[in-house]
Amino acid sequence: RVHVYRELTDGRRLHLHVFKPTAGSSPAPAVLTVHGGGWSVGEASWTFSTAARLARLGYLGVALEYRLSTGADTPAEAQDDVCQALSWLRRHAERLNLDAQRIAAHGVSAGGQLISAAALGACGSVDRGPELLMLWSPALDLERDGWFGKLLQGRASRESLSPLSLIVRRQNPAAPMAIVQGGADSLTPAAGARALCERARALGGICELYEYPGLGHLLTRNLAQQESGIDPDPEKRRAGIAALDAFVQRLWPRP
């Protein structure tokens, strides 16, 4: 089912695509799935298969449409969309038969930045971030990233939306997280994932890192063309999916 979660002043409507659990009658935990694309391309349908798979496991799978960084919009607007979507889900928990205290998020690449920042304080004091993170080649260290800074157009500082910067300033445990990461990723380097996990564990939190040596962005085998020639290793991709599914099932088991 498709729901409008936000109506913008220019008349645009932003949607959530909801995949209901195939089993169970009690309120289900939800997983908001957020696509990648360098903040400038992509669409909600890119994560339909992930949302549908999680629904088969007993979760409410929700694929997000957010504003892309084209024209007047920037990653700051996309970040606000993520926060508003989480707030909308909690407000409509009874209608959707979801457990408002257990909303996770699954983010790929740029989507990983958006959900991690939301969980680490970017939503401010009013809107809560997700309570559990499932990350796939996430963009985490952006404080000195020139491309990200250019996309922001001065709407926000890079450190205010960089998950690694946010967790360094944090004093209490972060949401449990699991990260699938290529060891030879040149777009969202593994060093960011390692640093985020190290800090999360130092704060007493849970961070599981599944790093695959020799593979690039999105677990591609094509290291020479990580921006355009993605060729995921099939075996490692299946292993990564299984690791993230097992993570959420272990922490939030379903009947």
Protein backbone atom coordinates (compact mmCIF):
# COMPACT_ATOMS: atom_id res chain seq x y z
CA ARG A 1 0.00 0.00 0.00
CA VAL A 2 1.12 3.53 -0.72
CA HIS A 3 0.75 6.34 1.82
CA VAL A 4 1.49 10.05 1.53
CA TYR A 5 3.64 10.97 4.52
CA ARG A 6 4.45 14.53 3.52
CA GLU A 7 2.95 17.27 1.35
CA LEU A 8 5.44 19.98 0.37
CA THR A 9 4.68 23.64 -0.15
CA ASP A 10 5.34 23.31 -3.89
CA GLY A 11 2.59 20.70 -4.21
CA ARG A 12 4.81 17.63 -4.30
CA ARG A 13 3.78 14.59 -2.28
CA LEU A 14 6.24 12.13 -0.78
CA HIS A 15 5.22 8.51 -0.35
CA LEU A 16 5.85 5.45 1.78
CA HIS A 17 5.37 2.05 0.14
CA VAL A 18 4.26 -0.39 2.81
CA PHE A 19 4.69 -4.16 2.64
CA LYS A 20 2.69 -5.86 5.37
CA PRO A 21 4.00 -8.93 7.23
CA THR A 22 2.78 -12.19 5.77
CA ALA A 23 2.28 -13.77 9.20
CA GLY A 24 1.35 -12.75 12.74
CA SER A 25 -1.49 -10.60 14.04
CA SER A 26 0.25 -8.61 16.81
CA PRO A 27 1.83 -5.20 16.09
CA ALA A 28 5.01 -5.81 14.10
CA PRO A 29 8.33 -4.01 14.21
CA ALA A 30 8.91 -1.91 11.10
CA VAL A 31 11.97 -1.50 8.90
CA LEU A 32 12.22 1.69 6.85
CA THR A 33 14.30 0.98 3.73
CA VAL A 34 16.22 3.90 2.21
CA HIS A 35 17.87 3.69 -1.20
CA GLY A 36 21.25 5.03 -2.23
CA GLY A 37 22.32 6.93 -5.32
CA GLY A 38 24.72 9.59 -4.08
CA TRP A 39 21.80 11.68 -2.76
CA SER A 40 21.06 12.74 -6.37
CA VAL A 41 19.53 9.71 -8.13
CA GLY A 42 17.35 6.76 -7.19
CA GLU A 43 13.79 5.96 -6.21
CA ALA A 44 11.85 4.04 -3.60
CA SER A 45 11.42 1.04 -5.91
CA TRP A 46 15.14 0.32 -5.58
CA THR A 47 14.42 -1.13 -2.12
CA PHE A 48 11.08 -2.83 -2.83
CA SER A 49 12.72 -6.26 -2.86
CA THR A 50 14.33 -5.58 0.54
CA ALA A 51 11.06 -4.33 2.06
CA ALA A 52 9.18 -7.33 0.65
CA ARG A 53 11.79 -9.77 1.97
CA LEU A 54 11.57 -8.26 5.45
CA ALA A 55 7.77 -8.51 5.30
CA ARG A 56 8.13 -12.23 4.60
CA LEU A 57 10.24 -12.44 7.77
CA GLY A 58 7.42 -10.89 9.81
CA TYR A 59 8.35 -7.19 9.76
CA LEU A 60 6.50 -4.23 8.30
CA GLY A 61 8.71 -3.32 5.34
CA VAL A 62 8.49 0.34 4.30
CA ALA A 63 10.25 1.77 1.24
CA LEU A 64 10.89 5.52 1.40
CA GLU A 65 10.62 8.20 -1.25
CA TYR A 66 12.77 11.21 -0.34
CA ARG A 67 13.87 14.40 -2.06
CA LEU A 68 16.92 14.05 -4.27
CA SER A 69 19.70 16.61 -4.47
CA THR A 70 18.72 18.08 -7.80
CA GLY A 71 17.99 21.76 -8.30
CA ALA A 72 16.96 23.43 -5.06
CA ASP A 73 16.95 20.30 -2.87
CA THR A 74 19.97 19.06 -0.92
CA PRO A 75 20.85 16.18 1.43
CA ALA A 76 19.57 18.40 4.26
CA GLU A 77 16.07 18.14 2.80
CA ALA A 78 16.48 14.39 2.34
CA GLN A 79 17.54 14.13 5.99
CA ASP A 80 14.43 15.99 7.07
CA ASP A 81 12.29 13.67 4.94
CA VAL A 82 13.72 10.63 6.74
CA CYS A 83 12.94 12.19 10.12
CA GLN A 84 9.42 13.09 9.02
CA ALA A 85 8.81 9.59 7.68
CA LEU A 86 9.83 8.04 11.01
CA SER A 87 7.54 10.46 12.83
CA TRP A 88 4.66 9.64 10.46
CA LEU A 89 5.10 5.91 11.06
CA ARG A 90 4.96 6.38 14.82
CA ARG A 91 1.88 8.60 14.61
CA HIS A 92 0.10 6.02 12.47
CA ALA A 93 1.28 2.95 14.36
CA GLU A 94 -2.21 1.74 15.27
CA ARG A 95 -3.48 2.18 11.72
CA LEU A 96 -0.53 0.21 10.32
CA ASN A 97 -0.48 -2.36 13.15
CA LEU A 98 3.16 -1.62 13.88
CA ASP A 99 5.12 -1.51 17.12
CA ALA A 100 5.96 2.19 17.49
CA GLN A 101 8.80 1.38 19.92
CA ARG A 102 10.58 -0.81 17.39
CA ILE A 103 11.23 0.97 14.12
CA ALA A 104 14.45 -0.03 12.39
CA ALA A 105 15.98 1.31 9.21
CA HIS A 106 17.90 -0.31 6.35
CA GLY A 107 20.06 2.08 4.33
CA VAL A 108 22.24 1.61 1.25
CA SER A 109 25.19 3.95 0.56
CA ALA A 110 23.75 7.50 0.80
CA GLY A 111 20.69 5.97 2.43
CA GLY A 112 23.01 4.59 5.09
CA GLN A 113 24.14 8.13 5.90
CA LEU A 114 20.55 9.35 6.14
CA ILE A 115 19.37 6.68 8.57
CA SER A 116 22.60 6.66 10.63
CA ALA A 117 22.49 10.42 11.08
CA ALA A 118 18.82 10.14 12.05
CA ALA A 119 19.69 7.57 14.70
CA LEU A 120 22.57 9.68 16.02
CA GLY A 121 20.72 12.94 16.59
CA ALA A 122 20.13 14.62 13.22
CA CYS A 123 16.37 14.53 13.76
CA GLY A 124 16.72 16.85 16.75
CA SER A 125 14.90 16.59 20.05
CA VAL A 126 11.37 16.29 18.64
CA ASP A 127 11.59 13.35 16.20
CA ARG A 128 13.23 10.08 17.25
CA GLY A 129 15.57 8.25 14.95
CA PRO A 130 15.38 4.51 14.25
CA GLU A 131 15.97 2.08 17.13
CA LEU A 132 18.07 -0.35 15.04
CA LEU A 133 20.26 0.09 11.95
CA MET A 134 20.98 -2.25 9.02
CA LEU A 135 23.65 -0.63 6.83
CA TRP A 136 24.96 -1.62 3.39
CA SER A 137 28.08 0.20 2.14
CA PRO A 138 27.02 3.27 4.14
CA ALA A 139 28.44 6.78 3.71
CA LEU A 140 29.60 7.53 7.25
CA ASP A 141 32.62 9.86 7.25
CA LEU A 142 31.54 13.07 5.48
CA GLU A 143 33.03 15.90 7.51
CA ARG A 144 35.71 16.54 4.87
CA ASP A 145 33.81 15.18 1.86
CA GLY A 146 33.88 17.85 -0.86
CA TRP A 147 31.09 16.30 -2.97
CA PHE A 148 28.74 16.10 -0.01
CA GLY A 149 29.59 19.67 0.97
CA LYS A 150 28.84 20.89 -2.55
CA LEU A 151 25.47 19.14 -2.58
CA LEU A 152 24.52 20.77 0.73
CA GLN A 153 24.69 24.28 -0.82
CA GLY A 154 25.28 25.74 2.64
CA ARG A 155 21.95 24.45 4.04
CA ALA A 156 23.74 22.51 6.77
CA SER A 157 27.29 21.77 7.84
CA ARG A 158 28.87 18.49 6.78
CA GLU A 159 29.65 17.54 10.40
CA SER A 160 26.01 18.01 11.44
CA LEU A 161 24.99 15.21 9.04
CA SER A 162 28.10 13.03 9.12
CA PRO A 163 27.36 9.90 11.21
CA LEU A 164 30.98 9.54 12.31
CA SER A 165 31.10 13.16 13.51
CA LEU A 166 27.80 12.72 15.34
CA ILE A 167 28.82 9.54 17.16
CA VAL A 168 32.19 11.01 18.20
CA ARG A 169 30.29 13.70 20.12
CA ARG A 170 27.86 11.21 21.61
CA GLN A 171 28.06 10.15 25.27
CA ASN A 172 25.35 7.47 25.49
CA PRO A 173 24.93 4.20 23.54
CA ALA A 174 23.72 4.40 19.95
CA ALA A 175 21.07 2.18 18.36
CA PRO A 176 22.29 -1.37 17.68
CA MET A 177 23.73 -1.56 14.18
CA ALA A 178 25.06 -4.05 11.66
CA ILE A 179 27.17 -3.02 8.67
CA VAL A 180 27.94 -4.86 5.42
CA GLN A 181 31.04 -3.32 3.87
CA GLY A 182 33.48 -3.96 1.06
CA GLY A 183 37.06 -3.77 2.27
CA ALA A 184 38.24 -2.10 -0.97
CA ASP A 185 35.35 0.38 -1.23
CA SER A 186 36.64 3.66 -2.69
CA LEU A 187 33.30 5.56 -2.46
CA THR A 188 32.33 4.83 1.13
CA PRO A 189 35.60 3.53 2.60
CA ALA A 190 35.69 0.72 5.13
CA ALA A 191 37.66 2.96 7.52
CA GLY A 192 34.45 4.86 8.27
CA ALA A 193 32.58 1.68 9.15
CA ARG A 194 35.41 0.48 11.36
CA ALA A 195 35.61 3.82 13.18
CA LEU A 196 31.84 4.00 13.69
CA CYS A 197 31.76 0.48 15.13
CA GLU A 198 34.71 1.17 17.40
CA ARG A 199 33.04 4.25 18.84
CA ALA A 200 29.64 2.54 19.15
CA ARG A 201 31.19 -0.32 21.11
CA ALA A 202 33.18 2.09 23.31
CA LEU A 203 29.86 3.68 24.27
CA GLY A 204 28.50 0.28 25.29
CA GLY A 205 26.44 -0.26 22.15
CA ILE A 206 26.18 -3.10 19.64
CA CYS A 207 27.90 -2.85 16.26
CA GLU A 208 28.50 -5.87 14.03
CA LEU A 209 30.75 -5.29 11.02
CA TYR A 210 30.68 -7.75 8.13
CA GLU A 211 33.64 -6.69 6.01
CA TYR A 212 34.46 -8.45 2.77
CA PRO A 213 38.13 -7.97 1.76
CA GLY A 214 38.86 -7.21 -1.88
CA LEU A 215 35.36 -6.06 -2.73
CA GLY A 216 34.36 -2.50 -3.52
CA HIS A 217 31.22 -0.39 -3.20
CA LEU A 218 28.05 -2.46 -2.83
CA LEU A 219 30.35 -5.51 -2.73
CA THR A 220 31.32 -5.04 -6.37
CA ARG A 221 34.11 -7.10 -7.91
CA ASN A 222 34.80 -4.30 -10.41
CA LEU A 223 37.17 -2.10 -8.42
CA ALA A 224 38.11 0.07 -11.40
CA GLN A 225 34.58 1.40 -11.96
CA GLN A 226 32.92 1.61 -8.56
CA GLU A 227 30.78 4.60 -9.52
CA SER A 228 29.21 3.07 -12.63
CA GLY A 229 30.27 -0.54 -13.12
CA ILE A 230 28.80 -2.26 -10.06
CA ASP A 231 29.17 -6.04 -10.29
CA PRO A 232 28.30 -7.49 -6.86
CA ASP A 233 29.90 -10.76 -5.84
CA PRO A 234 26.82 -13.08 -5.77
CA GLU A 235 28.04 -15.28 -2.92
CA LYS A 236 29.14 -12.39 -0.70
CA ARG A 237 25.95 -10.46 -1.49
CA ARG A 238 23.86 -13.42 -0.29
CA ALA A 239 26.04 -13.66 2.81
CA GLY A 240 25.61 -9.95 3.54
CA ILE A 241 21.84 -10.12 3.17
CA ALA A 242 21.72 -13.16 5.45
CA ALA A 243 23.86 -11.37 8.04
CA LEU A 244 21.57 -8.31 8.20
CA ASP A 245 18.41 -10.45 8.28
CA ALA A 246 19.86 -12.58 11.07
CA PHE A 247 20.81 -9.42 13.01
CA VAL A 248 17.28 -8.00 13.14
CA GLN A 249 15.77 -11.44 13.75
CA ARG A 250 18.12 -12.06 16.66
CA LEU A 251 17.43 -8.71 18.34
CA TRP A 252 13.74 -8.44 17.43
CA PRO A 253 12.57 -12.06 16.87
CA ARG A 254 9.28 -12.63 15.09
CA PRO A 255 6.87 -15.60 15.41
